[in-house]
C-alpha atoms as a PDB file:
ATOM      1  CA  MET A   1       0.141  -0.031   0.077  1.00  0.00           C
ATOM      2  CA  GLU A   2       2.982   2.414   0.715  1.00  0.00           C
ATOM      3  CA  GLU A   3       4.218   1.819  -2.838  1.00  0.00           C
ATOM      4  CA  THR A   4       1.064   3.168  -4.357  1.00  0.00           C
ATOM      5  CA  PHE A   5      -0.145   5.758  -1.761  1.00  0.00           C
ATOM      6  CA  GLN A   6       3.823   6.804  -1.265  1.00  0.00           C
ATOM      7  CA  ILE A   7       2.834  10.467  -1.229  1.00  0.00           C
ATOM      8  CA  PHE A   8       1.792  10.076   2.511  1.00  0.00           C
ATOM      9  CA  ASN A   9       5.372   9.248   3.189  1.00  0.00           C
ATOM     10  CA  HIS A  10       6.062  12.956   2.758  1.00  0.00           C
ATOM     11  CA  PHE A  11       3.678  13.844   5.654  1.00  0.00           C
ATOM     12  CA  VAL A  12       5.803  15.464   8.560  1.00  0.00           C
ATOM     13  CA  TRP A  13       4.436  12.684  11.145  1.00  0.00           C
ATOM     14  CA  GLY A  14       4.789   9.784   8.632  1.00  0.00           C
ATOM     15  CA  PHE A  15       2.649   7.392   6.472  1.00  0.00           C
ATOM     16  CA  TRP A  16      -0.340   6.188   8.546  1.00  0.00           C
ATOM     17  CA  PRO A  17      -0.850   9.471  10.402  1.00  0.00           C
ATOM     18  CA  GLY A  18      -0.920  10.965   7.030  1.00  0.00           C
ATOM     19  CA  ILE A  19      -3.905   8.904   6.040  1.00  0.00           C
ATOM     20  CA  PHE A  20      -5.701   9.437   9.062  1.00  0.00           C
ATOM     21  CA  VAL A  21      -5.183  13.362   9.067  1.00  0.00           C
ATOM     22  CA  VAL A  22      -6.077  13.801   5.217  1.00  0.00           C
ATOM     23  CA  PHE A  23      -9.080  11.473   6.070  1.00  0.00           C
ATOM     24  CA  GLY A  24      -9.895  14.007   8.762  1.00  0.00           C
ATOM     25  CA  VAL A  25      -9.320  17.151   7.028  1.00  0.00           C
ATOM     26  CA  GLY A  26     -11.556  15.718   3.854  1.00  0.00           C
ATOM     27  CA  PHE A  27     -14.259  15.266   6.694  1.00  0.00           C
ATOM     28  CA  PHE A  28     -13.814  18.672   8.026  1.00  0.00           C
ATOM     29  CA  VAL A  29     -13.642  20.266   4.384  1.00  0.00           C
ATOM     30  CA  GLY A  30     -16.883  18.342   3.258  1.00  0.00           C
ATOM     31  CA  LEU A  31     -18.738  19.674   6.220  1.00  0.00           C
ATOM     32  CA  LEU A  32     -17.926  23.264   5.855  1.00  0.00           C
ATOM     33  CA  ALA A  33     -18.073  23.101   2.078  1.00  0.00           C
ATOM     34  CA  SER A  34     -21.699  21.778   1.879  1.00  0.00           C
ATOM     35  CA  PHE A  35     -22.533  24.096   4.484  1.00  0.00           C
ATOM     36  CA  LEU A  36     -20.758  27.255   3.293  1.00  0.00           C
ATOM     37  CA  GLY A  37     -21.420  26.202  -0.683  1.00  0.00           C
ATOM     38  CA  LEU A  38     -17.879  27.311  -1.331  1.00  0.00           C
ATOM     39  CA  GLY A  39     -16.135  23.957  -2.330  1.00  0.00           C
ATOM     40  CA  GLY A  40     -13.962  23.804   0.716  1.00  0.00           C
ATOM     41  CA  GLY A  41     -10.639  24.539  -1.303  1.00  0.00           C
ATOM     42  CA  PHE A  42      -9.746  27.593   0.854  1.00  0.00           C
ATOM     43  CA  ILE A  43      -8.695  25.078   3.500  1.00  0.00           C
ATOM     44  CA  TYR A  44      -7.964  22.068   1.236  1.00  0.00           C
ATOM     45  CA  THR A  45      -5.421  24.287  -0.862  1.00  0.00           C
ATOM     46  CA  PRO A  46      -3.212  25.420   1.829  1.00  0.00           C
ATOM     47  CA  PHE A  47      -3.251  22.293   3.721  1.00  0.00           C
ATOM     48  CA  PHE A  48      -1.669  20.273   0.892  1.00  0.00           C
ATOM     49  CA  HIS A  49       0.449  23.136  -0.042  1.00  0.00           C
ATOM     50  CA  SER A  50       1.866  23.519   3.434  1.00  0.00           C
ATOM     51  CA  PHE A  51       2.096  20.103   4.527  1.00  0.00           C
ATOM     52  CA  PHE A  52       2.755  17.940   1.815  1.00  0.00           C
ATOM     53  CA  HIS A  53       4.648  20.647   0.009  1.00  0.00           C
ATOM     54  CA  LEU A  54       2.803  20.258  -3.412  1.00  0.00           C
ATOM     55  CA  THR A  55       3.162  23.116  -5.880  1.00  0.00           C
ATOM     56  CA  ALA A  56       0.542  25.286  -6.166  1.00  0.00           C
ATOM     57  CA  VAL A  57      -1.035  23.865  -9.086  1.00  0.00           C
ATOM     58  CA  GLN A  58      -0.996  20.329  -7.404  1.00  0.00           C
ATOM     59  CA  ALA A  59      -2.467  21.662  -4.389  1.00  0.00           C
ATOM     60  CA  VAL A  60      -5.301  23.311  -6.441  1.00  0.00           C
ATOM     61  CA  ALA A  61      -5.816  19.898  -8.514  1.00  0.00           C
ATOM     62  CA  VAL A  62      -6.065  17.963  -5.117  1.00  0.00           C
ATOM     63  CA  SER A  63      -8.662  20.310  -3.710  1.00  0.00           C
ATOM     64  CA  LEU A  64     -10.801  20.361  -7.040  1.00  0.00           C
ATOM     65  CA  ALA A  65     -10.363  16.594  -7.315  1.00  0.00           C
ATOM     66  CA  GLN A  66     -12.329  15.842  -3.909  1.00  0.00           C
ATOM     67  CA  MET A  67     -15.286  18.274  -4.297  1.00  0.00           C
ATOM     68  CA  PRO A  68     -17.126  16.230  -6.856  1.00  0.00           C
ATOM     69  CA  VAL A  69     -17.615  13.332  -4.414  1.00  0.00           C
ATOM     70  CA  SER A  70     -18.380  15.412  -1.429  1.00  0.00           C
ATOM     71  CA  ALA A  71     -20.598  17.805  -3.456  1.00  0.00           C
ATOM     72  CA  LEU A  72     -22.710  15.117  -4.869  1.00  0.00           C
ATOM     73  CA  SER A  73     -23.332  13.761  -1.063  1.00  0.00           C
ATOM     74  CA  GLY A  74     -24.471  17.148  -0.119  1.00  0.00           C
ATOM     75  CA  LEU A  75     -26.591  17.927  -3.143  1.00  0.00           C
ATOM     76  CA  TYR A  76     -28.483  14.977  -2.286  1.00  0.00           C
ATOM     77  CA  VAL A  77     -29.842  16.188   1.023  1.00  0.00           C
ATOM     78  CA  TYR A  78     -30.694  19.696  -0.818  1.00  0.00           C
ATOM     79  CA  PHE A  79     -32.525  17.927  -3.610  1.00  0.00           C
ATOM     80  CA  LYS A  80     -34.446  16.259  -0.888  1.00  0.00           C
ATOM     81  CA  ASN A  81     -35.375  19.429   0.555  1.00  0.00           C
ATOM     82  CA  ASP A  82     -36.146  20.936  -2.503  1.00  0.00           C
ATOM     83  CA  LYS A  83     -33.475  23.723  -1.996  1.00  0.00           C
ATOM     84  CA  ILE A  84     -31.855  23.968  -5.319  1.00  0.00           C
ATOM     85  CA  ARG A  85     -32.876  26.551  -7.871  1.00  0.00           C
ATOM     86  CA  TRP A  86     -31.951  24.759 -11.201  1.00  0.00           C
ATOM     87  CA  LYS A  87     -32.495  27.850 -13.600  1.00  0.00           C
ATOM     88  CA  GLN A  88     -29.976  30.037 -12.072  1.00  0.00           C
ATOM     89  CA  GLY A  89     -27.361  27.017 -11.483  1.00  0.00           C
ATOM     90  CA  PHE A  90     -27.492  25.729 -14.942  1.00  0.00           C
ATOM     91  CA  LEU A  91     -27.251  29.237 -16.412  1.00  0.00           C
ATOM     92  CA  LEU A  92     -24.291  29.726 -14.191  1.00  0.00           C
ATOM     93  CA  LEU A  93     -22.635  26.720 -15.719  1.00  0.00           C
ATOM     94  CA  ILE A  94     -22.670  28.181 -19.358  1.00  0.00           C
ATOM     95  CA  THR A  95     -19.728  30.288 -18.798  1.00  0.00           C
ATOM     96  CA  SER A  96     -17.996  28.642 -15.591  1.00  0.00           C
ATOM     97  CA  ILE A  97     -17.216  25.346 -16.987  1.00  0.00           C
ATOM     98  CA  PRO A  98     -15.344  26.291 -20.306  1.00  0.00           C
ATOM     99  CA  THR A  99     -13.563  29.201 -18.135  1.00  0.00           C
ATOM    100  CA  ALA A 100     -12.467  26.547 -15.490  1.00  0.00           C
ATOM    101  CA  GLN A 101     -11.219  24.342 -18.187  1.00  0.00           C
ATOM    102  CA  TYR A 102      -9.471  27.178 -20.032  1.00  0.00           C
ATOM    103  CA  ALA A 103      -7.911  28.467 -16.786  1.00  0.00           C
ATOM    104  CA  ALA A 104      -6.800  24.876 -15.549  1.00  0.00           C
ATOM    105  CA  LEU A 105      -4.773  24.261 -18.907  1.00  0.00           C
ATOM    106  CA  ALA A 106      -3.209  27.918 -18.722  1.00  0.00           C
ATOM    107  CA  PHE A 107      -2.318  27.625 -14.971  1.00  0.00           C
ATOM    108  CA  GLY A 108      -0.897  24.049 -15.384  1.00  0.00           C
ATOM    109  CA  ARG A 109       1.357  24.852 -18.311  1.00  0.00           C
ATOM    110  CA  PHE A 110       2.648  28.122 -16.832  1.00  0.00           C
ATOM    111  CA  GLU A 111       3.940  26.310 -13.949  1.00  0.00           C
ATOM    112  CA  ASP A 112       6.307  24.207 -16.409  1.00  0.00           C
ATOM    113  CA  THR A 113       7.624  27.309 -18.321  1.00  0.00           C
ATOM    114  CA  THR A 114      10.807  28.921 -17.903  1.00  0.00           C
ATOM    115  CA  LEU A 115       9.128  32.128 -16.315  1.00  0.00           C
ATOM    116  CA  GLY A 116       7.185  29.892 -13.851  1.00  0.00           C
ATOM    117  CA  LYS A 117      10.098  27.960 -12.752  1.00  0.00           C
ATOM    118  CA  GLN A 118      12.343  31.017 -12.186  1.00  0.00           C
ATOM    119  CA  LEU A 119      13.134  31.585  -8.648  1.00  0.00           C
ATOM    120  CA  TYR A 120      12.012  34.626  -6.709  1.00  0.00           C
ATOM    121  CA  TYR A 121      12.804  35.033  -3.024  1.00  0.00           C
ATOM    122  CA  GLY A 122      13.680  31.424  -3.150  1.00  0.00           C
ATOM    123  CA  ILE A 123      10.994  29.776  -4.619  1.00  0.00           C
ATOM    124  CA  PRO A 124       9.398  29.533  -8.208  1.00  0.00           C
ATOM    125  CA  LEU A 125       7.835  32.455  -9.545  1.00  0.00           C
ATOM    126  CA  SER A 126       4.387  30.804  -9.858  1.00  0.00           C
ATOM    127  CA  GLU A 127       4.385  29.739  -6.162  1.00  0.00           C
ATOM    128  CA  PHE A 128       5.150  33.308  -5.196  1.00  0.00           C
ATOM    129  CA  VAL A 129       2.266  34.879  -7.435  1.00  0.00           C
ATOM    130  CA  TYR A 130       0.037  32.097  -6.188  1.00  0.00           C
ATOM    131  CA  LEU A 131       0.665  32.921  -2.445  1.00  0.00           C
ATOM    132  CA  ILE A 132       0.174  36.557  -2.702  1.00  0.00           C
ATOM    133  CA  LEU A 133      -3.027  36.306  -4.891  1.00  0.00           C
ATOM    134  CA  PHE A 134      -4.415  33.878  -2.664  1.00  0.00           C
ATOM    135  CA  THR A 135      -3.697  35.659   0.421  1.00  0.00           C
ATOM    136  CA  ILE A 136      -4.935  38.984  -0.745  1.00  0.00           C
ATOM    137  CA  PHE A 137      -7.935  37.692  -2.248  1.00  0.00           C
ATOM    138  CA  LEU A 138      -9.201  35.530   0.444  1.00  0.00           C
ATOM    139  CA  GLY A 139      -8.561  38.377   2.898  1.00  0.00           C
ATOM    140  CA  ILE A 140     -10.943  40.694   0.871  1.00  0.00           C
ATOM    141  CA  LEU A 141     -13.480  38.202   1.038  1.00  0.00           C
ATOM    142  CA  ALA A 142     -13.305  37.483   4.664  1.00  0.00           C
ATOM    143  CA  VAL A 143     -13.962  41.109   5.243  1.00  0.00           C
ATOM    144  CA  TYR A 144     -16.865  41.326   2.988  1.00  0.00           C
ATOM    145  CA  ASN A 145     -18.403  38.275   4.339  1.00  0.00           C
ATOM    146  CA  LEU A 146     -17.857  39.607   8.014  1.00  0.00           C
ATOM    147  CA  PHE A 147     -19.809  42.865   7.386  1.00  0.00           C
ATOM    148  CA  SER A 148     -22.342  40.892   5.286  1.00  0.00           C
ATOM    149  CA  ALA A 149     -23.190  38.833   8.153  1.00  0.00           C
ATOM    150  CA  PHE A 150     -23.344  41.774  10.555  1.00  0.00           C
ATOM    151  CA  LYS A 151     -26.084  43.429   8.592  1.00  0.00           C
ATOM    152  CA  LYS A 152     -27.993  40.276   7.844  1.00  0.00           C
ATOM    153  CA  ARG A 153     -28.060  39.734  11.592  1.00  0.00           C
ATOM    154  CA  LYS A 154     -29.201  43.365  12.437  1.00  0.00           C
ATOM    155  CA  LEU A 155     -31.925  42.887   9.956  1.00  0.00           C
ATOM    156  CA  TYR A 156     -32.922  39.558  11.262  1.00  0.00           C
ATOM    157  CA  ILE A 157     -33.182  40.810  14.915  1.00  0.00           C
ATOM    158  CA  GLN A 158     -35.300  43.991  13.838  1.00  0.00           C
ATOM    159  CA  ASN A 159     -37.529  41.788  12.051  1.00  0.00           C
ATOM    160  CA  LEU A 160     -38.125  39.632  14.959  1.00  0.00           C
ATOM    161  CA  SER A 161     -38.652  42.505  17.389  1.00  0.00           C
ATOM    162  CA  LEU A 162     -41.185  44.130  14.972  1.00  0.00           C
ATOM    163  CA  GLU A 163     -43.076  40.871  14.771  1.00  0.00           C
ATOM    164  CA  ASN A 164     -43.215  40.536  18.577  1.00  0.00           C
ATOM    165  CA  GLN A 165     -44.219  44.275  19.027  1.00  0.00           C
ATOM    166  CA  ASN A 166     -46.952  44.518  16.556  1.00  0.00           C
ATOM    167  CA  HIS A 167     -48.654  41.004  16.250  1.00  0.00           C
ATOM    168  CA  VAL A 168     -51.915  40.402  18.487  1.00  0.00           C
ATOM    169  CA  VAL A 169     -52.287  36.471  19.587  1.00  0.00           C
ATOM    170  CA  THR A 170     -55.156  35.466  17.141  1.00  0.00           C
ATOM    171  CA  GLN A 171     -55.767  32.589  15.218  1.00  0.00           C
ATOM    172  CA  GLU A 172     -54.618  34.238  12.010  1.00  0.00           C
ATOM    173  CA  ASP A 173     -51.432  35.382  13.731  1.00  0.00           C
ATOM    174  CA  THR A 174     -50.443  31.974  15.209  1.00  0.00           C
ATOM    175  CA  GLN A 175     -50.611  30.673  11.838  1.00  0.00           C
ATOM    176  CA  SER A 176     -48.590  33.751  10.476  1.00  0.00           C
ATOM    177  CA  ARG A 177     -45.898  33.168  13.114  1.00  0.00           C
ATOM    178  CA  ALA A 178     -45.636  29.211  12.317  1.00  0.00           C
ATOM    179  CA  ASP A 179     -45.222  30.359   8.701  1.00  0.00           C
ATOM    180  CA  SER A 180     -42.612  32.882   9.843  1.00  0.00           C
ATOM    181  CA  LYS A 181     -40.639  30.383  11.805  1.00  0.00           C
ATOM    182  CA  THR A 182     -40.540  27.765   8.997  1.00  0.00           C
ATOM    183  CA  ASN A 183     -39.195  30.428   6.611  1.00  0.00           C
ATOM    184  CA  GLN A 184     -36.455  31.818   9.254  1.00  0.00           C
ATOM    185  CA  THR A 185     -33.565  31.018   7.089  1.00  0.00           C
ATOM    186  CA  SER A 186     -35.017  33.027   4.199  1.00  0.00           C
ATOM    187  CA  VAL A 187     -33.499  36.316   3.470  1.00  0.00           C
ATOM    188  CA  SER A 188     -37.119  37.832   3.199  1.00  0.00           C
ATOM    189  CA  HIS A 189     -40.489  36.162   4.216  1.00  0.00           C
ATOM    190  CA  SER A 190     -41.756  35.634   0.523  1.00  0.00           C
ATOM    191  CA  ILE A 191     -39.076  34.914  -2.377  1.00  0.00           C
ATOM    192  CA  PRO A 192     -40.306  36.057  -5.507  1.00  0.00           C
ATOM    193  CA  GLU A 193     -40.245  33.422  -8.482  1.00  0.00           C
ATOM    194  CA  PHE A 194     -37.593  33.743 -10.607  1.00  0.00           C
ATOM    195  CA  HIS A 195     -38.023  35.450 -14.272  1.00  0.00           C
ATOM    196  CA  PHE A 196     -35.037  35.747 -16.781  1.00  0.00           C
ATOM    197  CA  THR A 197     -34.642  39.152 -17.890  1.00  0.00           C
ATOM    198  CA  ASN A 198     -31.606  40.239 -20.283  1.00  0.00           C
ATOM    199  CA  ARG A 199     -29.869  41.704 -17.385  1.00  0.00           C
ATOM    200  CA  SER A 200     -30.294  38.976 -15.023  1.00  0.00           C
ATOM    201  CA  VAL A 201     -28.824  36.621 -17.546  1.00  0.00           C
ATOM    202  CA  LEU A 202     -26.041  38.876 -18.319  1.00  0.00           C
ATOM    203  CA  ILE A 203     -24.975  39.009 -14.722  1.00  0.00           C
ATOM    204  CA  VAL A 204     -25.060  35.173 -14.133  1.00  0.00           C
ATOM    205  CA  LEU A 205     -23.209  34.579 -17.117  1.00  0.00           C
ATOM    206  CA  PHE A 206     -20.569  37.216 -15.938  1.00  0.00           C
ATOM    207  CA  VAL A 207     -20.252  35.787 -12.570  1.00  0.00           C
ATOM    208  CA  GLY A 208     -19.825  32.262 -14.211  1.00  0.00           C
ATOM    209  CA  ILE A 209     -16.781  33.398 -15.824  1.00  0.00           C
ATOM    210  CA  PHE A 210     -14.982  34.411 -12.560  1.00  0.00           C
ATOM    211  CA  PHE A 211     -16.886  31.111 -10.599  1.00  0.00           C
ATOM    212  CA  GLY A 212     -14.852  29.057 -13.041  1.00  0.00           C
ATOM    213  CA  LEU A 213     -11.720  31.232 -13.008  1.00  0.00           C
ATOM    214  CA  PHE A 214     -11.097  31.225  -9.445  1.00  0.00           C
ATOM    215  CA  SER A 215     -12.320  27.419  -9.087  1.00  0.00           C
ATOM    216  CA  SER A 216      -8.911  26.653 -11.410  1.00  0.00           C
ATOM    217  CA  LEU A 217      -6.892  29.190 -10.007  1.00  0.00           C
ATOM    218  CA  PHE A 218      -7.075  28.794  -6.214  1.00  0.00           C
ATOM    219  CA  GLY A 219      -9.193  25.372  -6.015  1.00  0.00           C
ATOM    220  CA  ILE A 220     -12.087  27.125  -3.907  1.00  0.00           C
ATOM    221  CA  GLY A 221     -15.182  26.317  -5.942  1.00  0.00           C
ATOM    222  CA  GLY A 222     -16.177  29.794  -6.659  1.00  0.00           C
ATOM    223  CA  GLY A 223     -19.208  29.633  -4.373  1.00  0.00           C
ATOM    224  CA  PHE A 224     -17.980  32.995  -2.668  1.00  0.00           C
ATOM    225  CA  LEU A 225     -19.244  34.625  -5.605  1.00  0.00           C
ATOM    226  CA  ALA A 226     -22.335  32.842  -6.489  1.00  0.00           C
ATOM    227  CA  VAL A 227     -23.642  32.786  -3.015  1.00  0.00           C
ATOM    228  CA  PRO A 228     -23.989  36.496  -2.441  1.00  0.00           C
ATOM    229  CA  LEU A 229     -25.204  37.082  -5.921  1.00  0.00           C
ATOM    230  CA  PHE A 230     -27.988  34.267  -5.378  1.00  0.00           C
ATOM    231  CA  ILE A 231     -28.734  35.922  -1.984  1.00  0.00           C
ATOM    232  CA  TYR A 232     -28.681  39.694  -2.780  1.00  0.00           C
ATOM    233  CA  TYR A 233     -29.596  39.708  -6.590  1.00  0.00           C
ATOM    234  CA  PHE A 234     -32.295  37.009  -6.910  1.00  0.00           C
ATOM    235  CA  ARG A 235     -33.364  37.119  -3.305  1.00  0.00           C
ATOM    236  CA  MET A 236     -32.779  33.365  -2.456  1.00  0.00           C
ATOM    237  CA  SER A 237     -32.756  32.101   1.044  1.00  0.00           C
ATOM    238  CA  PRO A 238     -28.749  31.548   2.237  1.00  0.00           C
ATOM    239  CA  VAL A 239     -29.467  27.689   2.122  1.00  0.00           C
ATOM    240  CA  GLU A 240     -30.967  27.913  -1.332  1.00  0.00           C
ATOM    241  CA  ALA A 241     -27.985  30.042  -2.480  1.00  0.00           C
ATOM    242  CA  VAL A 242     -25.370  27.494  -0.971  1.00  0.00           C
ATOM    243  CA  ALA A 243     -27.511  24.540  -2.671  1.00  0.00           C
ATOM    244  CA  THR A 244     -27.557  26.188  -6.060  1.00  0.00           C
ATOM    245  CA  SER A 245     -23.930  26.934  -5.816  1.00  0.00           C
ATOM    246  CA  PHE A 246     -22.956  23.538  -4.873  1.00  0.00           C
ATOM    247  CA  LEU A 247     -24.713  22.476  -8.202  1.00  0.00           C
ATOM    248  CA  GLY A 248     -22.200  24.537  -9.787  1.00  0.00           C
ATOM    249  CA  ILE A 249     -19.210  23.203  -7.729  1.00  0.00           C
ATOM    250  CA  PHE A 250     -20.021  19.875  -8.502  1.00  0.00           C
ATOM    251  CA  LEU A 251     -20.070  19.867 -12.400  1.00  0.00           C
ATOM    252  CA  THR A 252     -17.302  22.733 -12.753  1.00  0.00           C
ATOM    253  CA  SER A 253     -14.833  20.815 -10.334  1.00  0.00           C
ATOM    254  CA  PHE A 254     -15.564  17.591 -12.051  1.00  0.00           C
ATOM    255  CA  GLY A 255     -14.387  18.716 -15.521  1.00  0.00           C
ATOM    256  CA  THR A 256     -11.226  20.767 -14.318  1.00  0.00           C
ATOM    257  CA  THR A 257     -10.201  17.532 -12.384  1.00  0.00           C
ATOM    258  CA  VAL A 258     -10.106  15.659 -15.507  1.00  0.00           C
ATOM    259  CA  GLN A 259      -8.089  18.569 -17.105  1.00  0.00           C
ATOM    260  CA  PHE A 260      -5.605  18.639 -14.337  1.00  0.00           C
ATOM    261  CA  LEU A 261      -5.238  14.746 -14.435  1.00  0.00           C
ATOM    262  CA  ILE A 262      -4.512  14.654 -18.060  1.00  0.00           C
ATOM    263  CA  LEU A 263      -1.699  17.675 -17.351  1.00  0.00           C
ATOM    264  CA  GLY A 264      -0.258  15.067 -14.879  1.00  0.00           C
ATOM    265  CA  LYS A 265      -0.726  17.535 -11.925  1.00  0.00           C
ATOM    266  CA  LEU A 266      -3.176  15.426 -10.046  1.00  0.00           C
ATOM    267  CA  HIS A 267      -2.033  13.255  -7.019  1.00  0.00           C
ATOM    268  CA  TRP A 268      -5.378  11.240  -6.977  1.00  0.00           C
ATOM    269  CA  GLU A 269      -4.121   9.202  -3.890  1.00  0.00           C
ATOM    270  CA  LEU A 270      -4.707  12.499  -1.553  1.00  0.00           C
ATOM    271  CA  ALA A 271      -7.936  13.257  -3.492  1.00  0.00           C
ATOM    272  CA  LEU A 272      -9.341   9.618  -3.083  1.00  0.00           C
ATOM    273  CA  ILE A 273      -8.662   9.468   0.873  1.00  0.00           C
ATOM    274  CA  GLY A 274     -10.066  13.119   1.362  1.00  0.00           C
ATOM    275  CA  SER A 275     -13.303  12.384  -0.651  1.00  0.00           C
ATOM    276  CA  PHE A 276     -14.042   9.499   1.723  1.00  0.00           C
ATOM    277  CA  GLY A 277     -13.894  11.834   4.627  1.00  0.00           C
ATOM    278  CA  GLY A 278     -15.708  14.354   2.648  1.00  0.00           C
ATOM    279  CA  ILE A 279     -18.373  12.265   1.927  1.00  0.00           C
ATOM    280  CA  PHE A 280     -19.470  11.734   5.522  1.00  0.00           C
ATOM    281  CA  GLY A 281     -18.797  15.405   6.054  1.00  0.00           C
ATOM    282  CA  ALA A 282     -20.871  17.096   3.492  1.00  0.00           C
ATOM    283  CA  ARG A 283     -23.840  15.068   4.543  1.00  0.00           C
ATOM    284  CA  ILE A 284     -23.762  16.536   7.900  1.00  0.00           C
ATOM    285  CA  GLY A 285     -22.833  19.932   6.804  1.00  0.00           C
ATOM    286  CA  SER A 286     -25.786  20.269   4.206  1.00  0.00           C
ATOM    287  CA  LEU A 287     -28.398  18.813   7.348  1.00  0.00           C
ATOM    288  CA  LYS A 288     -26.883  21.794   9.351  1.00  0.00           C
ATOM    289  CA  ALA A 289     -27.116  24.224   6.985  1.00  0.00           C
ATOM    290  CA  VAL A 290     -30.898  23.227   5.890  1.00  0.00           C
ATOM    291  CA  LYS A 291     -31.674  24.399   9.666  1.00  0.00           C
ATOM    292  CA  ALA A 292     -29.334  27.408   9.978  1.00  0.00           C
ATOM    293  CA  LYS A 293     -30.383  30.995  10.766  1.00  0.00           C
ATOM    294  CA  PRO A 294     -29.788  33.301   7.716  1.00  0.00           C
ATOM    295  CA  TYR A 295     -26.524  34.939   9.034  1.00  0.00           C
ATOM    296  CA  THR A 296     -25.086  32.089  10.664  1.00  0.00           C
ATOM    297  CA  ILE A 297     -23.683  30.799   7.257  1.00  0.00           C
ATOM    298  CA  LEU A 298     -21.820  34.046   6.425  1.00  0.00           C
ATOM    299  CA  PHE A 299     -20.207  34.223   9.756  1.00  0.00           C
ATOM    300  CA  VAL A 300     -18.810  30.855   9.692  1.00  0.00           C
ATOM    301  CA  THR A 301     -17.320  31.489   6.086  1.00  0.00           C
ATOM    302  CA  SER A 302     -15.821  34.639   7.167  1.00  0.00           C
ATOM    303  CA  PHE A 303     -13.907  32.969  10.172  1.00  0.00           C
ATOM    304  CA  PHE A 304     -12.512  30.440   8.368  1.00  0.00           C
ATOM    305  CA  GLN A 305     -11.213  32.542   5.848  1.00  0.00           C
ATOM    306  CA  PHE A 306      -9.730  34.987   8.033  1.00  0.00           C
ATOM    307  CA  LEU A 307      -7.977  31.601   9.683  1.00  0.00           C
ATOM    308  CA  VAL A 308      -6.642  30.661   6.488  1.00  0.00           C
ATOM    309  CA  VAL A 309      -5.271  34.127   5.790  1.00  0.00           C
ATOM    310  CA  THR A 310      -3.489  34.393   9.197  1.00  0.00           C
ATOM    311  CA  TRP A 311      -2.001  30.998   8.474  1.00  0.00           C
ATOM    312  CA  TYR A 312      -0.423  32.382   5.261  1.00  0.00           C
ATOM    313  CA  LEU A 313       0.631  35.595   6.850  1.00  0.00           C
ATOM    314  CA  VAL A 314       2.563  33.912   9.907  1.00  0.00           C
ATOM    315  CA  MET A 315       3.611  30.868   8.528  1.00  0.00           C
ATOM    316  CA  LYS A 316       4.377  31.242   4.494  1.00  0.00           C
ATOM    317  CA  LEU A 317       4.799  34.926   3.678  1.00  0.00           C
ATOM    318  CA  PRO A 318       7.556  35.809   6.449  1.00  0.00           C
ATOM    319  CA  LYS A 319       9.727  33.356   5.050  1.00  0.00           C
ATOM    320  CA  PHE A 320      10.322  35.790   1.896  1.00  0.00           C
END
């Protein structure tokens, strides 16, 4: 087994601890990914880059490779609970899939070029550029999601306060409260039916380009763009936005994984063990997301994004 899975010998604590740690990280990533709709790569990519010393492209490839399996597990729960908005999801895929394919091809080849291999502060230029861009980009997202979470929490509390002050307990009011409680995870109590317009189609197609681009470059699924779009523009509930984003993550990451495999950048052994853990984690995470309060998903997203940024700032960038 060690001959086939020899990559685990590169782990700092040895072969079998590496197996168990990757499985555990896969479980944790699957849980967070299905809860947040972000693909989990913002943890997976730095983990393999730091602890298995993979190149940036290899770390992204492994991160993307575990997404289809864990995403499928989470999608099953969302499908049973009727949380997926299919129209917006498939519209997003029209541009995200081809963009992800092209970015994976270009990113994978750049690492092997003379320019990509040129040392800069003691590491290849491709690695240096990746570290800087990933840290800055994820930091901006963390700040954005934190402010969005506080805003959503304030609105949620205000709505509850107004409801308690203005409602008189009658038979009709009791039914109204029951309906409100059922829809606590909604951005508003009534979500309008989606209708395609020229503007909405263009916006989703445009976001799909960046969804696929950042999925291939950073291995983070692209849900950080799709989830806010679905919540604020299409007025989905957070859990519907996550579920619809997860549909895009599943199909986009599957195609990109094949591309990285063809380029010889994928350590499938790491992806396989991580995927086994991700199956169980995604099932639990999606069940939690279905019952989560509106602002909880954004708070959790922001926390872990800040955590990863801090890790890179403390452990990686000072070495340069």
